[in-house]
C-alpha atoms as a PDB file:
ATOM      1  CA  UNK A   1      88.164 -34.591  -4.648  1.00  0.00           C
ATOM      2  CA  UNK A   2      88.201 -30.874  -3.931  1.00  0.00           C
ATOM      3  CA  UNK A   3      89.792 -29.003  -6.854  1.00  0.00           C
ATOM      4  CA  UNK A   4      92.032 -25.991  -6.453  1.00  0.00           C
ATOM      5  CA  UNK A   5      91.586 -22.893  -8.589  1.00  0.00           C
ATOM      6  CA  UNK A   6      95.046 -21.442  -8.965  1.00  0.00           C
ATOM      7  CA  UNK A   7      94.287 -18.505 -11.223  1.00  0.00           C
ATOM      8  CA  UNK A   8      91.563 -16.834 -13.216  1.00  0.00           C
ATOM      9  CA  UNK A   9      92.983 -14.724 -16.024  1.00  0.00           C
ATOM     10  CA  UNK A  10      91.025 -12.154 -17.979  1.00  0.00           C
ATOM     11  CA  UNK A  11      93.617  -9.546 -18.904  1.00  0.00           C
ATOM     12  CA  UNK A  12      92.312  -5.990 -18.458  1.00  0.00           C
ATOM     13  CA  UNK A  13      88.821  -6.603 -17.091  1.00  0.00           C
ATOM     14  CA  UNK A  14      87.239  -3.494 -18.683  1.00  0.00           C
ATOM     15  CA  UNK A  15      85.083  -4.421 -21.655  1.00  0.00           C
ATOM     16  CA  UNK A  16      82.553  -2.931 -24.046  1.00  0.00           C
ATOM     17  CA  UNK A  17      78.959  -4.054 -23.475  1.00  0.00           C
ATOM     18  CA  UNK A  18      77.918  -6.971 -25.672  1.00  0.00           C
ATOM     19  CA  UNK A  19      81.387  -8.127 -26.771  1.00  0.00           C
ATOM     20  CA  UNK A  20      82.457 -11.752 -26.464  1.00  0.00           C
ATOM     21  CA  UNK A  21      85.465 -12.424 -24.231  1.00  0.00           C
ATOM     22  CA  UNK A  22      87.353 -15.493 -23.051  1.00  0.00           C
ATOM     23  CA  UNK A  23      88.757 -16.041 -19.570  1.00  0.00           C
ATOM     24  CA  UNK A  24      90.939 -18.960 -18.535  1.00  0.00           C
ATOM     25  CA  UNK A  25      91.390 -20.686 -15.204  1.00  0.00           C
ATOM     26  CA  UNK A  26      93.811 -23.363 -14.068  1.00  0.00           C
ATOM     27  CA  UNK A  27      91.960 -26.090 -12.198  1.00  0.00           C
ATOM     28  CA  UNK A  28      94.004 -28.611 -10.226  1.00  0.00           C
ATOM     29  CA  UNK A  29      92.856 -31.997  -9.012  1.00  0.00           C
ATOM     30  CA  UNK A  30      95.054 -32.654  -5.953  1.00  0.00           C
ATOM     31  CA  UNK A  31      93.662 -36.139  -5.336  1.00  0.00           C
ATOM     32  CA  UNK A  32      94.897 -39.624  -6.234  1.00  0.00           C
ATOM     33  CA  UNK A  33      91.865 -40.227  -8.499  1.00  0.00           C
ATOM     34  CA  UNK A  34      90.606 -38.771 -11.799  1.00  0.00           C
ATOM     35  CA  UNK A  35      87.344 -36.828 -11.503  1.00  0.00           C
ATOM     36  CA  UNK A  36      84.826 -35.214 -13.825  1.00  0.00           C
ATOM     37  CA  UNK A  37      83.853 -31.731 -12.678  1.00  0.00           C
ATOM     38  CA  UNK A  38      81.051 -29.420 -13.787  1.00  0.00           C
ATOM     39  CA  UNK A  39      82.210 -25.809 -14.111  1.00  0.00           C
ATOM     40  CA  UNK A  40      80.583 -22.422 -14.736  1.00  0.00           C
ATOM     41  CA  UNK A  41      82.014 -18.905 -14.919  1.00  0.00           C
ATOM     42  CA  UNK A  42      79.568 -16.036 -14.482  1.00  0.00           C
ATOM     43  CA  UNK A  43      79.396 -12.312 -13.806  1.00  0.00           C
ATOM     44  CA  UNK A  44      77.395 -11.002 -10.859  1.00  0.00           C
ATOM     45  CA  UNK A  45      75.466 -13.061  -8.313  1.00  0.00           C
ATOM     46  CA  UNK A  46      72.373 -12.801 -10.548  1.00  0.00           C
ATOM     47  CA  UNK A  47      74.415 -14.173 -13.502  1.00  0.00           C
ATOM     48  CA  UNK A  48      74.236 -11.132 -15.790  1.00  0.00           C
ATOM     49  CA  UNK A  49      76.427 -13.228 -18.108  1.00  0.00           C
ATOM     50  CA  UNK A  50      77.413 -16.886 -17.930  1.00  0.00           C
ATOM     51  CA  UNK A  51      79.609 -19.335 -19.774  1.00  0.00           C
ATOM     52  CA  UNK A  52      76.966 -21.967 -19.195  1.00  0.00           C
ATOM     53  CA  UNK A  53      77.919 -25.189 -17.494  1.00  0.00           C
ATOM     54  CA  UNK A  54      80.438 -27.578 -18.954  1.00  0.00           C
ATOM     55  CA  UNK A  55      82.295 -30.662 -17.866  1.00  0.00           C
ATOM     56  CA  UNK A  56      86.026 -31.164 -17.532  1.00  0.00           C
ATOM     57  CA  UNK A  57      87.954 -34.310 -16.689  1.00  0.00           C
ATOM     58  CA  UNK A  58      91.101 -33.784 -14.654  1.00  0.00           C
ATOM     59  CA  UNK A  59      93.454 -36.721 -14.047  1.00  0.00           C
ATOM     60  CA  UNK A  60      94.783 -37.493 -10.580  1.00  0.00           C
ATOM     61  CA  UNK A  61      97.395 -35.044  -9.276  1.00  0.00           C
ATOM     62  CA  UNK A  62      97.137 -32.974 -12.433  1.00  0.00           C
ATOM     63  CA  UNK A  63      95.743 -29.721 -13.704  1.00  0.00           C
ATOM     64  CA  UNK A  64      93.806 -28.421 -16.687  1.00  0.00           C
ATOM     65  CA  UNK A  65      93.689 -24.888 -18.124  1.00  0.00           C
ATOM     66  CA  UNK A  66      90.022 -24.271 -18.914  1.00  0.00           C
ATOM     67  CA  UNK A  67      88.712 -21.514 -21.210  1.00  0.00           C
ATOM     68  CA  UNK A  68      85.340 -19.877 -20.598  1.00  0.00           C
ATOM     69  CA  UNK A  69      83.597 -17.741 -23.224  1.00  0.00           C
ATOM     70  CA  UNK A  70      81.054 -15.122 -22.178  1.00  0.00           C
ATOM     71  CA  UNK A  71      79.104 -12.366 -23.902  1.00  0.00           C
ATOM     72  CA  UNK A  72      79.462  -9.263 -21.744  1.00  0.00           C
ATOM     73  CA  UNK A  73      76.307  -7.759 -20.211  1.00  0.00           C
ATOM     74  CA  UNK A  74      74.598  -4.852 -21.984  1.00  0.00           C
ATOM     75  CA  UNK A  75      74.301  -2.818 -18.762  1.00  0.00           C
ATOM     76  CA  UNK A  76      77.240  -0.716 -17.547  1.00  0.00           C
ATOM     77  CA  UNK A  77      78.642  -1.510 -14.140  1.00  0.00           C
ATOM     78  CA  UNK A  78      81.122  -3.484 -12.069  1.00  0.00           C
ATOM     79  CA  UNK A  79      80.468  -7.216 -12.010  1.00  0.00           C
ATOM     80  CA  UNK A  80      82.247  -9.663  -9.704  1.00  0.00           C
ATOM     81  CA  UNK A  81      83.422 -12.767 -11.598  1.00  0.00           C
ATOM     82  CA  UNK A  82      82.636 -16.134 -10.016  1.00  0.00           C
ATOM     83  CA  UNK A  83      83.749 -19.635 -10.921  1.00  0.00           C
ATOM     84  CA  UNK A  84      81.776 -22.536  -9.472  1.00  0.00           C
ATOM     85  CA  UNK A  85      82.968 -26.142  -9.568  1.00  0.00           C
ATOM     86  CA  UNK A  86      80.723 -29.103  -8.786  1.00  0.00           C
ATOM     87  CA  UNK A  87      81.113 -32.847  -8.635  1.00  0.00           C
ATOM     88  CA  UNK A  88      77.973 -34.972  -9.009  1.00  0.00           C
ATOM     89  CA  UNK A  89      75.733 -32.051  -8.012  1.00  0.00           C
ATOM     90  CA  UNK A  90      77.745 -31.012  -4.953  1.00  0.00           C
ATOM     91  CA  UNK A  91      79.301 -27.541  -5.028  1.00  0.00           C
ATOM     92  CA  UNK A  92      83.004 -27.953  -4.237  1.00  0.00           C
ATOM     93  CA  UNK A  93      84.260 -24.410  -4.844  1.00  0.00           C
ATOM     94  CA  UNK A  94      82.690 -20.963  -5.209  1.00  0.00           C
ATOM     95  CA  UNK A  95      85.648 -18.841  -6.309  1.00  0.00           C
ATOM     96  CA  UNK A  96      85.554 -15.064  -6.731  1.00  0.00           C
ATOM     97  CA  UNK A  97      88.149 -13.387  -8.959  1.00  0.00           C
ATOM     98  CA  UNK A  98      90.313 -10.707  -7.363  1.00  0.00           C
ATOM     99  CA  UNK A  99      89.142  -8.051  -9.852  1.00  0.00           C
ATOM    100  CA  UNK A 100      85.656  -7.131 -10.969  1.00  0.00           C
ATOM    101  CA  UNK A 101      84.771  -6.988 -14.648  1.00  0.00           C
ATOM    102  CA  UNK A 102      83.872  -3.421 -15.633  1.00  0.00           C
ATOM    103  CA  UNK A 103      81.350  -3.004 -18.444  1.00  0.00           C
ATOM    104  CA  UNK A 104      81.205   0.260 -20.306  1.00  0.00           C
ATOM    105  CA  UNK A 105      79.244   1.586 -23.254  1.00  0.00           C
ATOM    106  CA  UNK A 106      81.410   3.824 -25.405  1.00  0.00           C
ATOM    107  CA  UNK A 107      79.910   6.618 -27.517  1.00  0.00           C
ATOM    108  CA  UNK A 108      79.428   5.807 -31.168  1.00  0.00           C
ATOM    109  CA  UNK A 109      77.353   7.093 -34.061  1.00  0.00           C
ATOM    110  CA  UNK A 110      76.363   5.907 -37.485  1.00  0.00           C
ATOM    111  CA  UNK A 111      75.686   8.427 -40.249  1.00  0.00           C
ATOM    112  CA  UNK A 112      73.499   7.614 -43.190  1.00  0.00           C
ATOM    113  CA  UNK A 113      73.773   9.332 -46.551  1.00  0.00           C
ATOM    114  CA  UNK A 114      73.207  13.079 -46.748  1.00  0.00           C
ATOM    115  CA  UNK A 115      70.202  13.704 -48.971  1.00  0.00           C
ATOM    116  CA  UNK A 116      69.527  17.144 -50.489  1.00  0.00           C
ATOM    117  CA  UNK A 117      65.938  18.044 -51.251  1.00  0.00           C
END
């Protein structure tokens, strides 16, 4: 019942702090039986951002492309991306993406009206 994680795609993993992004992963059930898995994608061991947990059902000898939505952390830095997969409370896979997610805060400014006195 051990799933395989074939890929975790995020495009360019450099994002602005606080934006919402979606990553996708292909999960494969290589067994002869359908299983329900609990999945969670998160950034950093301390879970600076998480997709939350969700459940996916993958038929026997099949795969499912799963999308995960996360709000990026507000603190700049490099965050390793992890995908955990459980079945009935047992951790089956703890997968780390090949690239870290880089969070940056770009300069910006808002200008109010100019008031003469």
